[in-house]
Protein backbone atom coordinates (compact mmCIF):
# COMPACT_ATOMS: atom_id res chain seq x y z
CA UNK A 1 13.95 29.53 -30.38
CA UNK A 2 12.55 30.49 -26.96
CA UNK A 3 9.81 28.25 -25.56
CA UNK A 4 7.65 29.78 -22.89
CA UNK A 5 6.98 27.56 -19.90
CA UNK A 6 3.30 26.83 -19.27
CA UNK A 7 3.21 25.09 -15.88
CA UNK A 8 0.50 25.83 -13.34
CA UNK A 9 2.15 27.81 -10.55
CA UNK A 10 0.66 25.54 -7.85
CA UNK A 11 2.66 22.58 -9.16
CA UNK A 12 5.64 24.33 -10.71
CA UNK A 13 8.89 22.65 -9.63
CA UNK A 14 11.57 24.39 -7.63
CA UNK A 15 14.39 24.13 -10.14
CA UNK A 16 17.05 24.57 -7.45
CA UNK A 17 15.99 21.57 -5.33
CA UNK A 18 13.52 19.34 -7.21
CA UNK A 19 14.72 16.45 -9.33
CA UNK A 20 13.26 16.62 -12.82
CA UNK A 21 13.25 13.64 -15.15
CA UNK A 22 12.43 13.77 -18.86
CA UNK A 23 10.03 10.89 -19.55
CA UNK A 24 10.24 9.67 -23.13
CA UNK A 25 7.84 6.71 -23.07
CA UNK A 26 4.72 5.53 -21.24
CA UNK A 27 6.65 4.25 -18.25
CA UNK A 28 8.60 6.65 -16.04
CA UNK A 29 11.30 4.02 -15.40
CA UNK A 30 12.05 3.25 -19.07
CA UNK A 31 15.23 4.96 -20.27
CA UNK A 32 15.32 7.34 -17.28
CA UNK A 33 17.46 7.49 -14.15
CA UNK A 34 14.36 7.23 -11.89
CA UNK A 35 15.17 3.84 -10.44
CA UNK A 36 18.78 4.88 -9.71
CA UNK A 37 17.64 8.10 -8.02
CA UNK A 38 14.99 6.43 -5.86
CA UNK A 39 17.32 3.63 -4.74
CA UNK A 40 20.03 6.17 -3.82
CA UNK A 41 17.46 8.08 -1.76
CA UNK A 42 16.41 4.80 -0.05
CA UNK A 43 12.86 5.19 -1.35
CA UNK A 44 10.87 1.95 -1.24
CA UNK A 45 7.37 3.21 -2.06
CA UNK A 46 6.04 5.23 -4.98
CA UNK A 47 2.68 6.97 -5.24
CA UNK A 48 1.28 7.21 -8.76
CA UNK A 49 -0.90 10.07 -9.99
CA UNK A 50 -1.36 11.71 -13.38
CA UNK A 51 -2.71 10.86 -16.81
CA UNK A 52 -3.45 8.51 -18.54
CA UNK A 53 -4.52 5.83 -16.09
CA UNK A 54 -4.38 2.97 -18.60
CA UNK A 55 -1.15 4.09 -20.31
CA UNK A 56 1.47 6.12 -18.50
CA UNK A 57 0.23 5.67 -14.94
CA UNK A 58 -0.48 1.93 -15.29
CA UNK A 59 2.82 1.30 -17.08
CA UNK A 60 4.78 3.18 -14.42
CA UNK A 61 3.00 1.21 -11.64
CA UNK A 62 3.89 -2.09 -13.29
CA UNK A 63 7.53 -0.99 -13.83
CA UNK A 64 7.82 0.07 -10.21
CA UNK A 65 6.27 -3.20 -9.00
CA UNK A 66 8.71 -5.19 -11.23
CA UNK A 67 11.63 -3.32 -9.61
CA UNK A 68 10.46 -4.17 -6.11
CA UNK A 69 8.84 -0.90 -5.04
CA UNK A 70 5.65 -0.79 -3.01
CA UNK A 71 3.15 0.94 -5.30
CA UNK A 72 0.29 3.15 -4.18
CA UNK A 73 -1.98 4.16 -7.03
CA UNK A 74 -4.37 7.11 -6.70
CA UNK A 75 -7.80 6.12 -7.94
CA UNK A 76 -9.07 9.72 -8.09
CA UNK A 77 -5.77 11.45 -8.86
CA UNK A 78 -5.28 9.56 -12.14
CA UNK A 79 -7.52 9.92 -15.16
CA UNK A 80 -8.08 8.80 -18.70
CA UNK A 81 -10.42 9.56 -21.55
CA UNK A 82 -12.75 6.60 -20.91
CA UNK A 83 -14.24 5.87 -17.48
CA UNK A 84 -14.60 2.17 -18.32
CA UNK A 85 -10.90 1.89 -19.13
CA UNK A 86 -10.03 3.78 -15.95
CA UNK A 87 -12.02 1.32 -13.80
CA UNK A 88 -10.66 -1.67 -15.67
CA UNK A 89 -7.08 -0.51 -15.09
CA UNK A 90 -7.75 0.10 -11.40
CA UNK A 91 -9.20 -3.42 -11.12
CA UNK A 92 -6.12 -4.90 -12.78
CA UNK A 93 -3.71 -2.97 -10.60
CA UNK A 94 -5.58 -3.95 -7.39
CA UNK A 95 -5.23 -7.60 -8.33
CA UNK A 96 -1.47 -7.68 -8.37
CA UNK A 97 0.50 -4.52 -8.86
CA UNK A 98 -0.62 -1.77 -6.46
CA UNK A 99 -2.54 -0.68 -3.42
CA UNK A 100 -5.25 1.48 -4.97
CA UNK A 101 -6.44 4.30 -2.70
CA UNK A 102 -8.24 7.61 -2.99
CA UNK A 103 -6.35 10.87 -2.56
CA UNK A 104 -7.89 11.32 0.91
CA UNK A 105 -6.83 7.79 1.95
CA UNK A 106 -3.28 8.48 0.76
CA UNK A 107 -3.11 11.75 2.65
CA UNK A 108 -4.45 10.13 5.83
CA UNK A 109 -1.88 7.32 5.57
CA UNK A 110 0.93 9.86 5.09
CA UNK A 111 -0.29 11.78 8.14
CA UNK A 112 -0.21 8.57 10.23
CA UNK A 113 3.30 7.82 9.03
CA UNK A 114 4.37 11.34 9.90
CA UNK A 115 2.86 11.04 13.38
CA UNK A 116 4.65 7.72 13.88
CA UNK A 117 7.96 9.19 12.76
CA UNK A 118 7.61 12.09 15.25
CA UNK A 119 7.33 9.72 18.21
């Protein structure tokens, strides 16, 4: 059976260079090679975005924190079906698991890091 791919072209992966991981549970680290890949690439920080804030995104943030990664969680690039649950999850993550920033704050921080690296 042929399954047609339905990925928005603006975020479609480059299958020749991007690393794709099949996620089978709420957390992206559970039963996947993600931790192994990140450690072998000397990655120490992860930025979380996606859906659902209080399930997949929050679980992945907690798993990353437990594995020693610095976690940046996008407050306006994650979402869920209940605004109250979204805000409650952000509050919990701020208190112990992640640095919670807006998309614009994340982009600005990445620009500063890039400028520092160029010097």
